[in-house]
């Protein structure tokens, strides 16, 4: 990923928080020179420290797991909040007019080594953990045991587990850190007044970002 110092995020805890809040990852592979991508919800396990591992599953019909049966290096991309930034929010526009639009975003790249799991108990534990994670906070959480046992067994036979050992984490938070303070304030205010939650999430990131020298 192309990086500039103003936007680089190195704090593992910050990157892991984004991965938990936006668990649908794009899993990028290259087999025999052919690029491919799968979109999978992944569960972040903080162990082994410091980077942890990612756990998920694919359909047994998906060729990814066969290609990775002996181990495979992959890239998991987690996309956080993102939003268009209009120059109209910049104080600099009123002062000089020398401004252009941009796009703010926060993203994490996890370089991983992928291994496959077909063990029934491993898979049952995984789907239970995934379910409990995403049902937490609901008024009446659904549980794996709510489904008939024979149905659960059929579903487990239709999937294959994947474990991704995280070898490297790289974050990029492009959240107006390179703009003067007045411009950053204008961006945060403009985004906060937006109509969708993604804009408001980005407004919070802009407000919380550590200022960097304008470039």
Protein backbone atom coordinates (compact mmCIF):
# COMPACT_ATOMS: atom_id res chain seq x y z
CA UNK A 1 0.00 0.00 0.00
CA UNK A 2 1.31 3.45 -0.90
CA UNK A 3 2.08 5.39 2.27
CA UNK A 4 3.01 8.92 3.26
CA UNK A 5 4.14 9.80 6.77
CA UNK A 6 1.12 12.01 7.49
CA UNK A 7 -1.32 9.12 7.16
CA UNK A 8 0.63 6.11 8.47
CA UNK A 9 -0.94 4.28 11.43
CA UNK A 10 1.37 1.95 13.34
CA UNK A 11 -0.55 1.39 16.60
CA UNK A 12 -1.61 -2.26 16.72
CA UNK A 13 -4.48 -1.57 19.12
CA UNK A 14 -5.96 1.09 16.83
CA UNK A 15 -5.72 -1.18 13.80
CA UNK A 16 -7.25 -4.11 15.67
CA UNK A 17 -10.18 -1.96 16.77
CA UNK A 18 -10.98 -1.15 13.14
CA UNK A 19 -10.73 -4.84 12.24
CA UNK A 20 -13.24 -5.72 14.97
CA UNK A 21 -15.65 -2.93 14.02
CA UNK A 22 -15.45 -3.71 10.27
CA UNK A 23 -14.95 -7.50 10.16
CA UNK A 24 -15.89 -8.08 6.50
CA UNK A 25 -12.44 -8.43 4.93
CA UNK A 26 -11.36 -8.65 1.31
CA UNK A 27 -9.03 -11.64 1.17
CA UNK A 28 -6.61 -11.21 -1.75
CA UNK A 29 -4.68 -14.17 -3.15
CA UNK A 30 -2.44 -14.83 -6.14
CA UNK A 31 -2.33 -18.41 -7.40
CA UNK A 32 -0.21 -19.19 -10.47
CA UNK A 33 -0.04 -15.47 -11.22
CA UNK A 34 -3.83 -15.07 -11.17
CA UNK A 35 -5.18 -12.49 -8.69
CA UNK A 36 -8.39 -13.32 -6.86
CA UNK A 37 -10.43 -11.86 -3.99
CA UNK A 38 -12.93 -13.32 -1.54
CA UNK A 39 -15.09 -11.32 0.88
CA UNK A 40 -15.29 -12.94 4.30
CA UNK A 41 -16.28 -11.92 7.83
CA UNK A 42 -13.24 -12.70 9.98
CA UNK A 43 -12.94 -13.02 13.74
CA UNK A 44 -9.88 -11.38 15.30
CA UNK A 45 -8.21 -13.47 17.99
CA UNK A 46 -5.61 -11.34 19.83
CA UNK A 47 -3.40 -14.36 20.44
CA UNK A 48 -0.64 -14.95 19.68
CA UNK A 49 0.42 -11.45 20.68
CA UNK A 50 1.16 -8.86 19.49
CA UNK A 51 -0.71 -9.10 16.17
CA UNK A 52 -2.95 -12.13 16.72
CA UNK A 53 -4.71 -14.25 14.11
CA UNK A 54 -7.87 -14.17 12.01
CA UNK A 55 -10.43 -16.97 11.91
CA UNK A 56 -13.18 -17.63 9.41
CA UNK A 57 -14.66 -20.16 7.02
CA UNK A 58 -15.46 -20.61 3.34
CA UNK A 59 -17.93 -22.77 1.49
CA UNK A 60 -16.53 -26.23 0.73
CA UNK A 61 -17.31 -25.46 -2.92
CA UNK A 62 -14.96 -22.45 -2.81
CA UNK A 63 -11.63 -23.45 -4.43
CA UNK A 64 -9.70 -21.15 -2.07
CA UNK A 65 -9.32 -23.77 0.65
CA UNK A 66 -7.95 -26.41 -1.75
CA UNK A 67 -5.44 -23.92 -3.12
CA UNK A 68 -4.39 -23.12 0.45
CA UNK A 69 -4.31 -26.71 1.73
CA UNK A 70 -0.52 -26.64 2.06
CA UNK A 71 -0.40 -23.09 3.41
CA UNK A 72 -0.73 -19.84 1.49
CA UNK A 73 0.37 -16.22 1.94
CA UNK A 74 -2.57 -13.83 1.59
CA UNK A 75 -3.54 -10.21 2.15
CA UNK A 76 -6.64 -9.37 4.20
CA UNK A 77 -7.93 -5.82 3.65
CA UNK A 78 -10.25 -4.23 6.23
CA UNK A 79 -12.00 -1.04 5.06
CA UNK A 80 -13.16 1.35 7.78
CA UNK A 81 -15.04 4.64 7.49
CA UNK A 82 -14.63 6.55 4.22
CA UNK A 83 -16.12 9.76 2.85
CA UNK A 84 -15.79 12.36 0.11
CA UNK A 85 -14.34 15.70 1.24
CA UNK A 86 -15.47 18.81 -0.61
CA UNK A 87 -13.13 21.84 -0.81
CA UNK A 88 -16.10 23.94 0.29
CA UNK A 89 -15.41 22.84 3.88
CA UNK A 90 -11.89 24.31 3.88
CA UNK A 91 -11.16 27.73 5.31
CA UNK A 92 -8.33 27.81 2.77
CA UNK A 93 -10.92 27.94 -0.01
CA UNK A 94 -12.15 31.28 1.31
CA UNK A 95 -8.60 32.54 1.83
CA UNK A 96 -6.86 31.55 -1.41
CA UNK A 97 -9.10 29.21 -3.41
CA UNK A 98 -6.10 26.89 -3.89
CA UNK A 99 -7.84 23.65 -2.87
CA UNK A 100 -9.13 20.47 -4.51
CA UNK A 101 -11.49 17.66 -3.45
CA UNK A 102 -10.19 14.51 -1.79
CA UNK A 103 -11.39 11.28 -0.21
CA UNK A 104 -10.80 10.36 3.42
CA UNK A 105 -10.58 6.74 4.54
CA UNK A 106 -9.17 4.38 7.15
CA UNK A 107 -7.88 0.97 6.10
CA UNK A 108 -5.86 -1.91 7.52
CA UNK A 109 -3.83 -4.42 5.52
CA UNK A 110 -3.00 -7.71 7.26
CA UNK A 111 -0.41 -9.91 5.59
CA UNK A 112 -1.09 -13.45 6.73
CA UNK A 113 -0.21 -17.09 6.32
CA UNK A 114 -3.38 -19.10 5.76
CA UNK A 115 -3.96 -22.67 6.89
CA UNK A 116 -7.07 -24.85 6.58
CA UNK A 117 -9.16 -26.65 9.23
CA UNK A 118 -11.67 -29.42 8.48
CA UNK A 119 -12.07 -30.74 12.03
CA UNK A 120 -15.73 -30.73 13.08
CA UNK A 121 -15.10 -29.51 16.65
CA UNK A 122 -12.84 -26.70 15.42
CA UNK A 123 -15.54 -25.56 13.00
CA UNK A 124 -18.30 -25.79 15.62
CA UNK A 125 -16.26 -23.67 18.02
CA UNK A 126 -15.59 -21.13 15.28
CA UNK A 127 -19.20 -20.66 14.17
CA UNK A 128 -20.25 -20.45 17.82
CA UNK A 129 -17.70 -17.70 18.48
CA UNK A 130 -18.64 -15.84 15.31
CA UNK A 131 -22.34 -16.05 16.15
CA UNK A 132 -21.90 -14.97 19.76
CA UNK A 133 -19.76 -12.02 18.68
CA UNK A 134 -22.24 -10.65 16.16
CA UNK A 135 -25.40 -11.49 18.13
CA UNK A 136 -24.10 -9.80 21.29
CA UNK A 137 -26.21 -6.81 22.27
CA UNK A 138 -29.33 -7.97 20.43
CA UNK A 139 -32.51 -8.12 22.54
CA UNK A 140 -32.93 -11.84 21.80
CA UNK A 141 -29.58 -13.19 20.58
CA UNK A 142 -29.72 -16.16 18.24
CA UNK A 143 -27.44 -19.08 19.18
CA UNK A 144 -26.11 -21.98 17.12
CA UNK A 145 -27.95 -24.38 19.41
CA UNK A 146 -31.25 -22.75 18.42
CA UNK A 147 -31.05 -24.63 15.12
CA UNK A 148 -31.80 -28.37 14.93
CA UNK A 149 -28.68 -30.42 15.67
CA UNK A 150 -28.85 -32.43 12.43
CA UNK A 151 -29.17 -29.20 10.43
CA UNK A 152 -26.11 -27.73 12.17
CA UNK A 153 -24.14 -30.88 11.33
CA UNK A 154 -25.08 -30.59 7.65
CA UNK A 155 -24.03 -26.95 7.62
CA UNK A 156 -20.68 -27.78 9.25
CA UNK A 157 -19.99 -30.38 6.55
CA UNK A 158 -20.58 -27.70 3.91
CA UNK A 159 -17.80 -25.36 5.14
CA UNK A 160 -14.05 -25.40 5.69
CA UNK A 161 -12.30 -23.35 8.35
CA UNK A 162 -9.43 -20.97 7.68
CA UNK A 163 -6.86 -19.62 10.12
CA UNK A 164 -4.71 -16.65 9.17
CA UNK A 165 -1.60 -16.00 11.22
CA UNK A 166 -0.95 -12.26 10.99
CA UNK A 167 2.67 -11.65 10.02
CA UNK A 168 2.37 -7.89 9.40
CA UNK A 169 -0.19 -5.14 10.05
CA UNK A 170 -0.19 -1.87 8.12
CA UNK A 171 -2.65 0.96 8.66
CA UNK A 172 -3.47 4.08 6.71
CA UNK A 173 -5.70 6.76 8.27
CA UNK A 174 -6.20 9.48 5.65
CA UNK A 175 -8.30 11.76 7.83
CA UNK A 176 -7.19 15.33 6.97
CA UNK A 177 -4.11 15.30 9.24
CA UNK A 178 -2.19 17.18 6.53
CA UNK A 179 -4.58 20.14 6.48
CA UNK A 180 -4.34 23.33 8.61
CA UNK A 181 -6.36 23.32 11.83
CA UNK A 182 -9.13 25.51 10.41
CA UNK A 183 -9.54 23.20 7.42
CA UNK A 184 -9.68 20.11 9.64
CA UNK A 185 -12.34 21.75 11.78
CA UNK A 186 -14.37 22.55 8.68
CA UNK A 187 -14.12 18.97 7.42
CA UNK A 188 -15.20 17.54 10.78
CA UNK A 189 -18.16 19.93 10.95
CA UNK A 190 -19.21 19.23 7.38
CA UNK A 191 -19.03 15.47 7.79
CA UNK A 192 -20.83 15.54 11.14
CA UNK A 193 -23.77 17.23 9.43
CA UNK A 194 -23.95 14.44 6.84
CA UNK A 195 -26.92 12.20 6.29
CA UNK A 196 -25.27 8.81 6.77
CA UNK A 197 -23.46 7.09 9.61
CA UNK A 198 -20.27 6.62 7.60
CA UNK A 199 -19.82 10.39 7.30
CA UNK A 200 -20.35 10.82 11.03
CA UNK A 201 -17.81 8.09 11.78
CA UNK A 202 -15.28 9.87 9.58
CA UNK A 203 -16.06 13.18 11.31
CA UNK A 204 -15.07 11.56 14.61
CA UNK A 205 -11.81 10.28 13.13
CA UNK A 206 -10.96 13.72 11.73
CA UNK A 207 -11.66 15.33 15.10
CA UNK A 208 -9.53 12.78 16.95
CA UNK A 209 -6.60 12.70 14.51
CA UNK A 210 -3.21 14.01 15.55
CA UNK A 211 -2.37 17.05 13.45
CA UNK A 212 0.47 16.70 10.92
CA UNK A 213 2.26 19.49 9.04
CA UNK A 214 0.36 20.59 5.92
CA UNK A 215 1.71 19.21 2.62
